Amino acid sequence: MKLPEKEEQVMSYLWKLKKAFMKDLMEAYPEPKPSPSTLATNLKRLQQKEAVDFKTYGSVREYYPLISRDEYFSGKIKGFINKFFDGSKLEFASFFTSETDLSEEEILELKKILDEKLKSQK
């Protein structure tokens, strides 16, 4: 699933809040806040894409995500790796570690993550 930036922004607030009414989402936005109609349009589009759903309480809707943040970004990263690194996770990892300014602490933490992944695969 690929979402436009504005819909991703709505999802990021829903992931943080877990579930939210329109007023909660509006409060989560920094200034300048979107108009209520813009937010409602984005929520409707997200519902049509089966990314969110809602429960109705009278005339008020409480929205909640149907996909997790990890699930969404996993797909996005896979697409990025396929597009820019010909599907090679190793090339991506090599690029990431050489082109980012990782501190020694971050490198050690990354090593720990990789060591744990190796242990779990045995």
PDB file of N, CA and C in Angstrom:
ATOM      1  N   MET A   1       0.846  -1.175   0.000  1.00  0.00           N
ATOM      2  CA  MET A   1       0.000   0.000   0.000  1.00  0.00           C
ATOM      3  C   MET A   1       0.893   1.241   0.000  1.00  0.00           C
ATOM      4  N   LYS A   2       0.568   2.152  -0.890  1.00  0.00           N
ATOM      5  CA  LYS A   2       1.307   3.403  -0.954  1.00  0.00           C
ATOM      6  C   LYS A   2       0.314   4.533  -0.711  1.00  0.00           C
ATOM      7  N   LEU A   3       0.664   5.391   0.238  1.00  0.00           N
ATOM      8  CA  LEU A   3      -0.229   6.493   0.594  1.00  0.00           C
ATOM      9  C   LEU A   3       0.421   7.829   0.270  1.00  0.00           C
ATOM     10  N   PRO A   4      -0.380   8.795  -0.183  1.00  0.00           N
ATOM     11  CA  PRO A   4       0.140  10.150  -0.353  1.00  0.00           C
ATOM     12  C   PRO A   4       0.560  10.726   1.012  1.00  0.00           C
ATOM     13  N   GLU A   5       1.393  11.730   0.969  1.00  0.00           N
ATOM     14  CA  GLU A   5       1.952  12.323   2.192  1.00  0.00           C
ATOM     15  C   GLU A   5       0.885  12.738   3.206  1.00  0.00           C
ATOM     16  N   LYS A   6      -0.175  13.370   2.748  1.00  0.00           N
ATOM     17  CA  LYS A   6      -1.223  13.842   3.672  1.00  0.00           C
ATOM     18  C   LYS A   6      -1.933  12.680   4.361  1.00  0.00           C
ATOM     19  N   GLU A   7      -2.143  11.590   3.635  1.00  0.00           N
ATOM     20  CA  GLU A   7      -2.775  10.419   4.238  1.00  0.00           C
ATOM     21  C   GLU A   7      -1.809   9.724   5.196  1.00  0.00           C
ATOM     22  N   GLU A   8      -0.529   9.705   4.849  1.00  0.00           N
ATOM     23  CA  GLU A   8       0.479   9.160   5.768  1.00  0.00           C
ATOM     24  C   GLU A   8       0.497   9.944   7.071  1.00  0.00           C
ATOM     25  N   GLN A   9       0.340  11.251   6.957  1.00  0.00           N
ATOM     26  CA  GLN A   9       0.335  12.094   8.147  1.00  0.00           C
ATOM     27  C   GLN A   9      -0.850  11.746   9.057  1.00  0.00           C
ATOM     28  N   VAL A  10      -2.015  11.552   8.469  1.00  0.00           N
ATOM     29  CA  VAL A  10      -3.188  11.148   9.254  1.00  0.00           C
ATOM     30  C   VAL A  10      -2.904   9.817   9.936  1.00  0.00           C
ATOM     31  N   MET A  11      -2.337   8.878   9.180  1.00  0.00           N
ATOM     32  CA  MET A  11      -2.028   7.560   9.742  1.00  0.00           C
ATOM     33  C   MET A  11      -1.039   7.678  10.899  1.00  0.00           C
ATOM     34  N   SER A  12      -0.056   8.546  10.774  1.00  0.00           N
ATOM     35  CA  SER A  12       0.941   8.681  11.847  1.00  0.00           C
ATOM     36  C   SER A  12       0.275   9.123  13.148  1.00  0.00           C
ATOM     37  N   TYR A  13      -0.710  10.006  13.060  1.00  0.00           N
ATOM     38  CA  TYR A  13      -1.426  10.431  14.266  1.00  0.00           C
ATOM     39  C   TYR A  13      -2.311   9.303  14.803  1.00  0.00           C
ATOM     40  N   LEU A  14      -2.946   8.566  13.897  1.00  0.00           N
ATOM     41  CA  LEU A  14      -3.776   7.446  14.339  1.00  0.00           C
ATOM     42  C   LEU A  14      -2.924   6.349  14.994  1.00  0.00           C
ATOM     43  N   TRP A  15      -1.746   6.088  14.453  1.00  0.00           N
ATOM     44  CA  TRP A  15      -0.871   5.081  15.063  1.00  0.00           C
ATOM     45  C   TRP A  15      -0.470   5.500  16.472  1.00  0.00           C
ATOM     46  N   LYS A  16      -0.197   6.781  16.645  1.00  0.00           N
ATOM     47  CA  LYS A  16       0.181   7.279  17.973  1.00  0.00           C
ATOM     48  C   LYS A  16      -0.989   7.229  18.947  1.00  0.00           C
ATOM     49  N   LEU A  17      -2.154   7.631  18.472  1.00  0.00           N
ATOM     50  CA  LEU A  17      -3.334   7.720  19.340  1.00  0.00           C
ATOM     51  C   LEU A  17      -4.070   6.385  19.501  1.00  0.00           C
ATOM     52  N   LYS A  18      -3.822   5.439  18.617  1.00  0.00           N
ATOM     53  CA  LYS A  18      -4.482   4.117  18.591  1.00  0.00           C
ATOM     54  C   LYS A  18      -5.917   4.197  18.066  1.00  0.00           C
ATOM     55  N   LYS A  19      -6.697   5.126  18.583  1.00  0.00           N
ATOM     56  CA  LYS A  19      -8.033   5.415  18.064  1.00  0.00           C
ATOM     57  C   LYS A  19      -8.321   6.874  18.396  1.00  0.00           C
ATOM     58  N   ALA A  20      -9.119   7.506  17.535  1.00  0.00           N
ATOM     59  CA  ALA A  20      -9.320   8.945  17.732  1.00  0.00           C
ATOM     60  C   ALA A  20     -10.575   9.435  17.029  1.00  0.00           C
ATOM     61  N   PHE A  21     -11.199  10.419  17.664  1.00  0.00           N
ATOM     62  CA  PHE A  21     -12.286  11.153  17.041  1.00  0.00           C
ATOM     63  C   PHE A  21     -11.663  12.264  16.202  1.00  0.00           C
ATOM     64  N   MET A  22     -12.441  12.854  15.322  1.00  0.00           N
ATOM     65  CA  MET A  22     -11.939  13.950  14.473  1.00  0.00           C
ATOM     66  C   MET A  22     -11.299  15.048  15.316  1.00  0.00           C
ATOM     67  N   LYS A  23     -11.935  15.402  16.437  1.00  0.00           N
ATOM     68  CA  LYS A  23     -11.386  16.477  17.267  1.00  0.00           C
ATOM     69  C   LYS A  23     -10.016  16.109  17.822  1.00  0.00           C
ATOM     70  N   ASP A  24      -9.816  14.823  18.157  1.00  0.00           N
ATOM     71  CA  ASP A  24      -8.511  14.373  18.649  1.00  0.00           C
ATOM     72  C   ASP A  24      -7.452  14.496  17.563  1.00  0.00           C
ATOM     73  N   LEU A  25      -7.819  14.119  16.352  1.00  0.00           N
ATOM     74  CA  LEU A  25      -6.876  14.233  15.236  1.00  0.00           C
ATOM     75  C   LEU A  25      -6.547  15.690  14.948  1.00  0.00           C
ATOM     76  N   MET A  26      -7.558  16.546  14.971  1.00  0.00           N
ATOM     77  CA  MET A  26      -7.313  17.976  14.734  1.00  0.00           C
ATOM     78  C   MET A  26      -6.358  18.544  15.779  1.00  0.00           C
ATOM     79  N   GLU A  27      -6.531  18.130  17.032  1.00  0.00           N
ATOM     80  CA  GLU A  27      -5.656  18.606  18.106  1.00  0.00           C
ATOM     81  C   GLU A  27      -4.223  18.107  17.930  1.00  0.00           C
ATOM     82  N   ALA A  28      -4.047  16.945  17.320  1.00  0.00           N
ATOM     83  CA  ALA A  28      -2.714  16.374  17.136  1.00  0.00           C
ATOM     84  C   ALA A  28      -1.886  17.140  16.108  1.00  0.00           C
ATOM     85  N   TYR A  29      -2.560  17.780  15.157  1.00  0.00           N
ATOM     86  CA  TYR A  29      -1.859  18.521  14.112  1.00  0.00           C
ATOM     87  C   TYR A  29      -1.230  19.796  14.658  1.00  0.00           C
ATOM     88  N   PRO A  30      -0.045  20.123  14.176  1.00  0.00           N
ATOM     89  CA  PRO A  30       0.535  21.427  14.513  1.00  0.00           C
ATOM     90  C   PRO A  30      -0.132  22.506  13.651  1.00  0.00           C
ATOM     91  N   GLU A  31       0.122  23.730  13.973  1.00  0.00           N
ATOM     92  CA  GLU A  31      -0.371  24.840  13.148  1.00  0.00           C
ATOM     93  C   GLU A  31       0.468  24.912  11.877  1.00  0.00           C
ATOM     94  N   PRO A  32      -0.079  25.221  10.752  1.00  0.00           N
ATOM     95  CA  PRO A  32      -1.501  25.421  10.490  1.00  0.00           C
ATOM     96  C   PRO A  32      -2.220  24.072  10.359  1.00  0.00           C
ATOM     97  N   LYS A  33      -3.303  23.939  11.039  1.00  0.00           N
ATOM     98  CA  LYS A  33      -4.081  22.704  11.031  1.00  0.00           C
ATOM     99  C   LYS A  33      -4.868  22.604   9.715  1.00  0.00           C
ATOM    100  N   PRO A  34      -5.117  21.387   9.256  1.00  0.00           N
ATOM    101  CA  PRO A  34      -5.950  21.259   8.058  1.00  0.00           C
ATOM    102  C   PRO A  34      -7.395  21.619   8.388  1.00  0.00           C
ATOM    103  N   SER A  35      -8.155  21.904   7.378  1.00  0.00           N
ATOM    104  CA  SER A  35      -9.577  22.168   7.614  1.00  0.00           C
ATOM    105  C   SER A  35     -10.247  20.832   7.968  1.00  0.00           C
ATOM    106  N   PRO A  36     -11.329  20.886   8.725  1.00  0.00           N
ATOM    107  CA  PRO A  36     -12.052  19.651   9.050  1.00  0.00           C
ATOM    108  C   PRO A  36     -12.483  18.871   7.801  1.00  0.00           C
ATOM    109  N   SER A  37     -12.863  19.593   6.742  1.00  0.00           N
ATOM    110  CA  SER A  37     -13.293  18.896   5.516  1.00  0.00           C
ATOM    111  C   SER A  37     -12.121  18.182   4.841  1.00  0.00           C
ATOM    112  N   THR A  38     -10.938  18.777   4.898  1.00  0.00           N
ATOM    113  CA  THR A  38      -9.739  18.130   4.329  1.00  0.00           C
ATOM    114  C   THR A  38      -9.412  16.866   5.118  1.00  0.00           C
ATOM    115  N   LEU A  39      -9.461  16.958   6.420  1.00  0.00           N
ATOM    116  CA  LEU A  39      -9.185  15.797   7.258  1.00  0.00           C
ATOM    117  C   LEU A  39     -10.231  14.705   7.010  1.00  0.00           C
ATOM    118  N   ALA A  40     -11.485  15.087   6.910  1.00  0.00           N
ATOM    119  CA  ALA A  40     -12.559  14.121   6.650  1.00  0.00           C
ATOM    120  C   ALA A  40     -12.354  13.431   5.298  1.00  0.00           C
ATOM    121  N   THR A  41     -11.919  14.187   4.299  1.00  0.00           N
ATOM    122  CA  THR A  41     -11.652  13.618   2.972  1.00  0.00           C
ATOM    123  C   THR A  41     -10.518  12.599   3.050  1.00  0.00           C
ATOM    124  N   ASN A  42      -9.456  12.950   3.766  1.00  0.00           N
ATOM    125  CA  ASN A  42      -8.334  12.016   3.911  1.00  0.00           C
ATOM    126  C   ASN A  42      -8.755  10.754   4.655  1.00  0.00           C
ATOM    127  N   LEU A  43      -9.560  10.911   5.683  1.00  0.00           N
ATOM    128  CA  LEU A  43     -10.050   9.744   6.421  1.00  0.00           C
ATOM    129  C   LEU A  43     -10.940   8.866   5.537  1.00  0.00           C
ATOM    130  N   LYS A  44     -11.763   9.487   4.716  1.00  0.00           N
ATOM    131  CA  LYS A  44     -12.622   8.728   3.804  1.00  0.00           C
ATOM    132  C   LYS A  44     -11.772   7.947   2.802  1.00  0.00           C
ATOM    133  N   ARG A  45     -10.750   8.582   2.271  1.00  0.00           N
ATOM    134  CA  ARG A  45      -9.863   7.905   1.319  1.00  0.00           C
ATOM    135  C   ARG A  45      -9.132   6.745   1.988  1.00  0.00           C
ATOM    136  N   LEU A  46      -8.692   6.958   3.221  1.00  0.00           N
ATOM    137  CA  LEU A  46      -8.011   5.895   3.958  1.00  0.00           C
ATOM    138  C   LEU A  46      -8.953   4.731   4.250  1.00  0.00           C
ATOM    139  N   GLN A  47     -10.201   5.046   4.505  1.00  0.00           N
ATOM    140  CA  GLN A  47     -11.184   3.992   4.729  1.00  0.00           C
ATOM    141  C   GLN A  47     -11.417   3.210   3.440  1.00  0.00           C
ATOM    142  N   GLN A  48     -11.507   3.897   2.314  1.00  0.00           N
ATOM    143  CA  GLN A  48     -11.704   3.229   1.027  1.00  0.00           C
ATOM    144  C   GLN A  48     -10.518   2.317   0.694  1.00  0.00           C
ATOM    145  N   LYS A  49      -9.338   2.690   1.147  1.00  0.00           N
ATOM    146  CA  LYS A  49      -8.126   1.884   0.924  1.00  0.00           C
ATOM    147  C   LYS A  49      -7.969   0.792   1.981  1.00  0.00           C
ATOM    148  N   GLU A  50      -8.931   0.709   2.885  1.00  0.00           N
ATOM    149  CA  GLU A  50      -8.933  -0.259   3.980  1.00  0.00           C
ATOM    150  C   GLU A  50      -7.714  -0.112   4.897  1.00  0.00           C
ATOM    151  N   ALA A  51      -7.309   1.141   5.103  1.00  0.00           N
ATOM    152  CA  ALA A  51      -6.222   1.448   6.036  1.00  0.00           C
ATOM    153  C   ALA A  51      -6.778   1.850   7.394  1.00  0.00           C
ATOM    154  N   VAL A  52      -7.994   2.397   7.404  1.00  0.00           N
ATOM    155  CA  VAL A  52      -8.659   2.775   8.656  1.00  0.00           C
ATOM    156  C   VAL A  52     -10.122   2.339   8.604  1.00  0.00           C
ATOM    157  N   ASP A  53     -10.710   2.274   9.776  1.00  0.00           N
ATOM    158  CA  ASP A  53     -12.142   2.055   9.885  1.00  0.00           C
ATOM    159  C   ASP A  53     -12.626   2.894  11.063  1.00  0.00           C
ATOM    160  N   PHE A  54     -13.895   2.829  11.346  1.00  0.00           N
ATOM    161  CA  PHE A  54     -14.426   3.636  12.442  1.00  0.00           C
ATOM    162  C   PHE A  54     -15.596   2.941  13.107  1.00  0.00           C
ATOM    163  N   LYS A  55     -15.856   3.370  14.333  1.00  0.00           N
ATOM    164  CA  LYS A  55     -17.062   2.983  15.064  1.00  0.00           C
ATOM    165  C   LYS A  55     -17.886   4.253  15.199  1.00  0.00           C
ATOM    166  N   THR A  56     -19.190   4.094  15.102  1.00  0.00           N
ATOM    167  CA  THR A  56     -20.077   5.250  15.206  1.00  0.00           C
ATOM    168  C   THR A  56     -20.734   5.277  16.579  1.00  0.00           C
ATOM    169  N   TYR A  57     -20.675   6.443  17.196  1.00  0.00           N
ATOM    170  CA  TYR A  57     -21.351   6.701  18.473  1.00  0.00           C
ATOM    171  C   TYR A  57     -22.297   7.872  18.235  1.00  0.00           C
ATOM    172  N   GLY A  58     -23.543   7.558  17.943  1.00  0.00           N
ATOM    173  CA  GLY A  58     -24.483   8.624  17.588  1.00  0.00           C
ATOM    174  C   GLY A  58     -24.091   9.190  16.241  1.00  0.00           C
ATOM    175  N   SER A  59     -23.740  10.465  16.224  1.00  0.00           N
ATOM    176  CA  SER A  59     -23.330  11.099  14.965  1.00  0.00           C
ATOM    177  C   SER A  59     -21.812  11.304  14.893  1.00  0.00           C
ATOM    178  N   VAL A  60     -21.087  10.708  15.835  1.00  0.00           N
ATOM    179  CA  VAL A  60     -19.639  10.901  15.914  1.00  0.00           C
ATOM    180  C   VAL A  60     -18.933   9.591  15.573  1.00  0.00           C
ATOM    181  N   ARG A  61     -17.830   9.721  14.842  1.00  0.00           N
ATOM    182  CA  ARG A  61     -17.048   8.546  14.456  1.00  0.00           C
ATOM    183  C   ARG A  61     -15.718   8.504  15.211  1.00  0.00           C
ATOM    184  N   GLU A  62     -15.379   7.307  15.662  1.00  0.00           N
ATOM    185  CA  GLU A  62     -14.081   7.073  16.282  1.00  0.00           C
ATOM    186  C   GLU A  62     -13.272   6.212  15.308  1.00  0.00           C
ATOM    187  N   TYR A  63     -12.178   6.777  14.820  1.00  0.00           N
ATOM    188  CA  TYR A  63     -11.355   6.120  13.806  1.00  0.00           C
ATOM    189  C   TYR A  63     -10.232   5.313  14.453  1.00  0.00           C
ATOM    190  N   TYR A  64      -9.836   4.245  13.769  1.00  0.00           N
ATOM    191  CA  TYR A  64      -8.712   3.430  14.231  1.00  0.00           C
ATOM    192  C   TYR A  64      -8.032   2.809  13.009  1.00  0.00           C
ATOM    193  N   PRO A  65      -6.723   2.578  13.102  1.00  0.00           N
ATOM    194  CA  PRO A  65      -6.000   2.009  11.962  1.00  0.00           C
ATOM    195  C   PRO A  65      -6.279   0.517  11.797  1.00  0.00           C
ATOM    196  N   LEU A  66      -6.315   0.077  10.562  1.00  0.00           N
ATOM    197  CA  LEU A  66      -6.465  -1.339  10.252  1.00  0.00           C
ATOM    198  C   LEU A  66      -5.119  -1.984   9.914  1.00  0.00           C
ATOM    199  N   ILE A  67      -4.139  -1.150   9.610  1.00  0.00           N
ATOM    200  CA  ILE A  67      -2.789  -1.657   9.352  1.00  0.00           C
ATOM    201  C   ILE A  67      -1.851  -1.050  10.389  1.00  0.00           C
ATOM    202  N   SER A  68      -0.868  -1.814  10.778  1.00  0.00           N
ATOM    203  CA  SER A  68       0.088  -1.317  11.764  1.00  0.00           C
ATOM    204  C   SER A  68       1.144  -0.450  11.089  1.00  0.00           C
ATOM    205  N   ARG A  69       1.779   0.356  11.886  1.00  0.00           N
ATOM    206  CA  ARG A  69       2.867   1.210  11.402  1.00  0.00           C
ATOM    207  C   ARG A  69       3.974   0.336  10.822  1.00  0.00           C
ATOM    208  N   ASP A  70       4.340  -0.730  11.540  1.00  0.00           N
ATOM    209  CA  ASP A  70       5.412  -1.613  11.076  1.00  0.00           C
ATOM    210  C   ASP A  70       5.051  -2.280   9.751  1.00  0.00           C
ATOM    211  N   GLU A  71       3.814  -2.726   9.641  1.00  0.00           N
ATOM    212  CA  GLU A  71       3.354  -3.377   8.410  1.00  0.00           C
ATOM    213  C   GLU A  71       3.444  -2.396   7.231  1.00  0.00           C
ATOM    214  N   TYR A  72       3.003  -1.166   7.442  1.00  0.00           N
ATOM    215  CA  TYR A  72       3.022  -0.169   6.375  1.00  0.00           C
ATOM    216  C   TYR A  72       4.450   0.157   5.952  1.00  0.00           C
ATOM    217  N   PHE A  73       5.308   0.461   6.931  1.00  0.00           N
ATOM    218  CA  PHE A  73       6.668   0.871   6.586  1.00  0.00           C
ATOM    219  C   PHE A  73       7.523  -0.277   6.091  1.00  0.00           C
ATOM    220  N   SER A  74       7.207  -1.495   6.485  1.00  0.00           N
ATOM    221  CA  SER A  74       7.907  -2.654   5.957  1.00  0.00           C
ATOM    222  C   SER A  74       7.691  -2.739   4.443  1.00  0.00           C
ATOM    223  N   GLY A  75       6.454  -2.565   4.022  1.00  0.00           N
ATOM    224  CA  GLY A  75       6.150  -2.573   2.594  1.00  0.00           C
ATOM    225  C   GLY A  75       6.808  -1.425   1.864  1.00  0.00           C
ATOM    226  N   LYS A  76       6.841  -0.282   2.504  1.00  0.00           N
ATOM    227  CA  LYS A  76       7.461   0.893   1.893  1.00  0.00           C
ATOM    228  C   LYS A  76       8.967   0.700   1.718  1.00  0.00           C
ATOM    229  N   ILE A  77       9.611   0.144   2.738  1.00  0.00           N
ATOM    230  CA  ILE A  77      11.056  -0.084   2.676  1.00  0.00           C
ATOM    231  C   ILE A  77      11.387  -1.149   1.632  1.00  0.00           C
ATOM    232  N   LYS A  78      10.573  -2.202   1.559  1.00  0.00           N
ATOM    233  CA  LYS A  78      10.786  -3.238   0.540  1.00  0.00           C
ATOM    234  C   LYS A  78      10.703  -2.634  -0.853  1.00  0.00           C
ATOM    235  N   GLY A  79       9.727  -1.764  -1.065  1.00  0.00           N
ATOM    236  CA  GLY A  79       9.597  -1.083  -2.356  1.00  0.00           C
ATOM    237  C   GLY A  79      10.800  -0.205  -2.652  1.00  0.00           C
ATOM    238  N   PHE A  80      11.284   0.492  -1.642  1.00  0.00           N
ATOM    239  CA  PHE A  80      12.464   1.355  -1.778  1.00  0.00           C
ATOM    240  C   PHE A  80      13.690   0.523  -2.161  1.00  0.00           C
ATOM    241  N   ILE A  81      13.878  -0.601  -1.471  1.00  0.00           N
ATOM    242  CA  ILE A  81      15.025  -1.476  -1.752  1.00  0.00           C
ATOM    243  C   ILE A  81      14.915  -2.045  -3.167  1.00  0.00           C
ATOM    244  N   ASN A  82      13.718  -2.458  -3.557  1.00  0.00           N
ATOM    245  CA  ASN A  82      13.534  -2.981  -4.916  1.00  0.00           C
ATOM    246  C   ASN A  82      13.819  -1.914  -5.970  1.00  0.00           C
ATOM    247  N   LYS A  83      13.368  -0.703  -5.712  1.00  0.00           N
ATOM    248  CA  LYS A  83      13.503   0.377  -6.694  1.00  0.00           C
ATOM    249  C   LYS A  83      14.932   0.887  -6.813  1.00  0.00           C
ATOM    250  N   PHE A  84      15.603   1.098  -5.679  1.00  0.00           N
ATOM    251  CA  PHE A  84      16.908   1.753  -5.710  1.00  0.00           C
ATOM    252  C   PHE A  84      18.101   0.821  -5.550  1.00  0.00           C
ATOM    253  N   PHE A  85      17.874  -0.401  -5.089  1.00  0.00           N
ATOM    254  CA  PHE A  85      18.982  -1.328  -4.844  1.00  0.00           C
ATOM    255  C   PHE A  85      18.751  -2.671  -5.524  1.00  0.00           C
ATOM    256  N   ASP A  86      17.919  -2.683  -6.567  1.00  0.00           N
ATOM    257  CA  ASP A  86      17.613  -3.896  -7.330  1.00  0.00           C
ATOM    258  C   ASP A  86      17.231  -5.065  -6.434  1.00  0.00           C
ATOM    259  N   GLY A  87      16.559  -4.773  -5.336  1.00  0.00           N
ATOM    260  CA  GLY A  87      16.088  -5.814  -4.433  1.00  0.00           C
ATOM    261  C   GLY A  87      17.137  -6.365  -3.488  1.00  0.00           C
ATOM    262  N   SER A  88      18.344  -5.813  -3.538  1.00  0.00           N
ATOM    263  CA  SER A  88      19.423  -6.330  -2.692  1.00  0.00           C
ATOM    264  C   SER A  88      19.405  -5.674  -1.312  1.00  0.00           C
ATOM    265  N   LYS A  89      19.033  -6.481  -0.321  1.00  0.00           N
ATOM    266  CA  LYS A  89      19.042  -5.984   1.058  1.00  0.00           C
ATOM    267  C   LYS A  89      20.462  -5.716   1.520  1.00  0.00           C
ATOM    268  N   LEU A  90      21.404  -6.518   1.029  1.00  0.00           N
ATOM    269  CA  LEU A  90      22.801  -6.336   1.402  1.00  0.00           C
ATOM    270  C   LEU A  90      23.350  -5.003   0.879  1.00  0.00           C
ATOM    271  N   GLU A  91      23.029  -4.680  -0.373  1.00  0.00           N
ATOM    272  CA  GLU A  91      23.469  -3.384  -0.926  1.00  0.00           C
ATOM    273  C   GLU A  91      22.854  -2.230  -0.139  1.00  0.00           C
ATOM    274  N   PHE A  92      21.582  -2.368   0.224  1.00  0.00           N
ATOM    275  CA  PHE A  92      20.926  -1.336   1.020  1.00  0.00           C
ATOM    276  C   PHE A  92      21.617  -1.178   2.369  1.00  0.00           C
ATOM    277  N   ALA A  93      21.879  -2.287   3.044  1.00  0.00           N
ATOM    278  CA  ALA A  93      22.527  -2.243   4.351  1.00  0.00           C
ATOM    279  C   ALA A  93      23.916  -1.633   4.244  1.00  0.00           C
ATOM    280  N   SER A  94      24.644  -1.997   3.208  1.00  0.00           N
ATOM    281  CA  SER A  94      25.981  -1.440   2.993  1.00  0.00           C
ATOM    282  C   SER A  94      25.903   0.069   2.776  1.00  0.00           C
ATOM    283  N   PHE A  95      24.968   0.496   1.939  1.00  0.00           N
ATOM    284  CA  PHE A  95      24.780   1.921   1.692  1.00  0.00           C
ATOM    285  C   PHE A  95      24.397   2.645   2.974  1.00  0.00           C
ATOM    286  N   PHE A  96      23.443   2.082   3.690  1.00  0.00           N
ATOM    287  CA  PHE A  96      22.963   2.695   4.930  1.00  0.00           C
ATOM    288  C   PHE A  96      24.092   2.889   5.930  1.00  0.00           C
ATOM    289  N   THR A  97      24.894   1.857   6.122  1.00  0.00           N
ATOM    290  CA  THR A  97      25.947   1.947   7.138  1.00  0.00           C
ATOM    291  C   THR A  97      27.108   2.831   6.693  1.00  0.00           C
ATOM    292  N   SER A  98      27.341   2.929   5.390  1.00  0.00           N
ATOM    293  CA  SER A  98      28.468   3.760   4.940  1.00  0.00           C
ATOM    294  C   SER A  98      28.079   5.216   4.703  1.00  0.00           C
ATOM    295  N   GLU A  99      26.822   5.478   4.402  1.00  0.00           N
ATOM    296  CA  GLU A  99      26.402   6.837   4.047  1.00  0.00           C
ATOM    297  C   GLU A  99      25.679   7.584   5.159  1.00  0.00           C
ATOM    298  N   THR A 100      25.521   6.958   6.298  1.00  0.00           N
ATOM    299  CA  THR A 100      24.923   7.663   7.434  1.00  0.00           C
ATOM    300  C   THR A 100      25.987   7.830   8.503  1.00  0.00           C
ATOM    301  N   ASP A 101      25.864   8.861   9.261  1.00  0.00           N
ATOM    302  CA  ASP A 101      26.844   9.151  10.309  1.00  0.00           C
ATOM    303  C   ASP A 101      26.446   8.431  11.595  1.00  0.00           C
ATOM    304  N   LEU A 102      26.615   7.112  11.582  1.00  0.00           N
ATOM    305  CA  LEU A 102      26.291   6.337  12.768  1.00  0.00           C
ATOM    306  C   LEU A 102      27.375   6.541  13.818  1.00  0.00           C
ATOM    307  N   SER A 103      26.947   6.758  15.042  1.00  0.00           N
ATOM    308  CA  SER A 103      27.905   6.862  16.146  1.00  0.00           C
ATOM    309  C   SER A 103      28.383   5.460  16.497  1.00  0.00           C
ATOM    310  N   GLU A 104      29.443   5.385  17.278  1.00  0.00           N
ATOM    311  CA  GLU A 104      29.943   4.087  17.718  1.00  0.00           C
ATOM    312  C   GLU A 104      28.853   3.342  18.492  1.00  0.00           C
ATOM    313  N   GLU A 105      28.129   4.068  19.310  1.00  0.00           N
ATOM    314  CA  GLU A 105      27.036   3.470  20.093  1.00  0.00           C
ATOM    315  C   GLU A 105      25.957   2.892  19.176  1.00  0.00           C
ATOM    316  N   GLU A 106      25.612   3.619  18.120  1.00  0.00           N
ATOM    317  CA  GLU A 106      24.600   3.135  17.182  1.00  0.00           C
ATOM    318  C   GLU A 106      25.099   1.903  16.415  1.00  0.00           C
ATOM    319  N   ILE A 107      26.367   1.902  16.052  1.00  0.00           N
ATOM    320  CA  ILE A 107      26.946   0.751  15.357  1.00  0.00           C
ATOM    321  C   ILE A 107      26.914  -0.481  16.258  1.00  0.00           C
ATOM    322  N   LEU A 108      27.261  -0.295  17.518  1.00  0.00           N
ATOM    323  CA  LEU A 108      27.221  -1.417  18.460  1.00  0.00           C
ATOM    324  C   LEU A 108      25.794  -1.927  18.655  1.00  0.00           C
ATOM    325  N   GLU A 109      24.841  -1.029  18.700  1.00  0.00           N
ATOM    326  CA  GLU A 109      23.441  -1.426  18.835  1.00  0.00           C
ATOM    327  C   GLU A 109      22.978  -2.189  17.589  1.00  0.00           C
ATOM    328  N   LEU A 110      23.395  -1.714  16.420  1.00  0.00           N
ATOM    329  CA  LEU A 110      23.069  -2.400  15.172  1.00  0.00           C
ATOM    330  C   LEU A 110      23.699  -3.794  15.144  1.00  0.00           C
ATOM    331  N   LYS A 111      24.920  -3.893  15.601  1.00  0.00           N
ATOM    332  CA  LYS A 111      25.598  -5.196  15.688  1.00  0.00           C
ATOM    333  C   LYS A 111      24.826  -6.131  16.617  1.00  0.00           C
ATOM    334  N   LYS A 112      24.364  -5.604  17.732  1.00  0.00           N
ATOM    335  CA  LYS A 112      23.585  -6.401  18.685  1.00  0.00           C
ATOM    336  C   LYS A 112      22.298  -6.920  18.035  1.00  0.00           C
ATOM    337  N   ILE A 113      21.631  -6.067  17.284  1.00  0.00           N
ATOM    338  CA  ILE A 113      20.407  -6.458  16.575  1.00  0.00           C
ATOM    339  C   ILE A 113      20.706  -7.578  15.577  1.00  0.00           C
ATOM    340  N   LEU A 114      21.806  -7.428  14.831  1.00  0.00           N
ATOM    341  CA  LEU A 114      22.174  -8.448  13.849  1.00  0.00           C
ATOM    342  C   LEU A 114      22.559  -9.761  14.521  1.00  0.00           C
ATOM    343  N   ASP A 115      23.285  -9.675  15.635  1.00  0.00           N
ATOM    344  CA  ASP A 115      23.658 -10.883  16.381  1.00  0.00           C
ATOM    345  C   ASP A 115      22.410 -11.621  16.874  1.00  0.00           C
ATOM    346  N   GLU A 116      21.438 -10.879  17.378  1.00  0.00           N
ATOM    347  CA  GLU A 116      20.187 -11.491  17.847  1.00  0.00           C
ATOM    348  C   GLU A 116      19.420 -12.128  16.692  1.00  0.00           C
ATOM    349  N   LYS A 117      19.448 -11.472  15.537  1.00  0.00           N
ATOM    350  CA  LYS A 117      18.782 -12.027  14.356  1.00  0.00           C
ATOM    351  C   LYS A 117      19.446 -13.337  13.937  1.00  0.00           C
ATOM    352  N   LEU A 118      20.774 -13.378  13.981  1.00  0.00           N
ATOM    353  CA  LEU A 118      21.496 -14.605  13.660  1.00  0.00           C
ATOM    354  C   LEU A 118      21.144 -15.741  14.619  1.00  0.00           C
ATOM    355  N   LYS A 119      21.085 -15.442  15.891  1.00  0.00           N
ATOM    356  CA  LYS A 119      20.739 -16.446  16.899  1.00  0.00           C
ATOM    357  C   LYS A 119      19.341 -17.009  16.661  1.00  0.00           C
ATOM    358  N   SER A 120      18.412 -16.139  16.311  1.00  0.00           N
ATOM    359  CA  SER A 120      17.026 -16.571  16.118  1.00  0.00           C
ATOM    360  C   SER A 120      16.851 -17.414  14.856  1.00  0.00           C
ATOM    361  N   GLN A 121      17.781 -17.326  13.924  1.00  0.00           N
ATOM    362  CA  GLN A 121      17.672 -18.088  12.681  1.00  0.00           C
ATOM    363  C   GLN A 121      18.325 -19.455  12.783  1.00  0.00           C
ATOM    364  N   LYS A 122      19.033 -19.710  13.870  1.00  0.00           N
ATOM    365  CA  LYS A 122      19.712 -21.007  14.011  1.00  0.00           C
ATOM    366  C   LYS A 122      18.796 -22.045  14.566  1.00  0.00           C
TER     367      LYS A 122
END
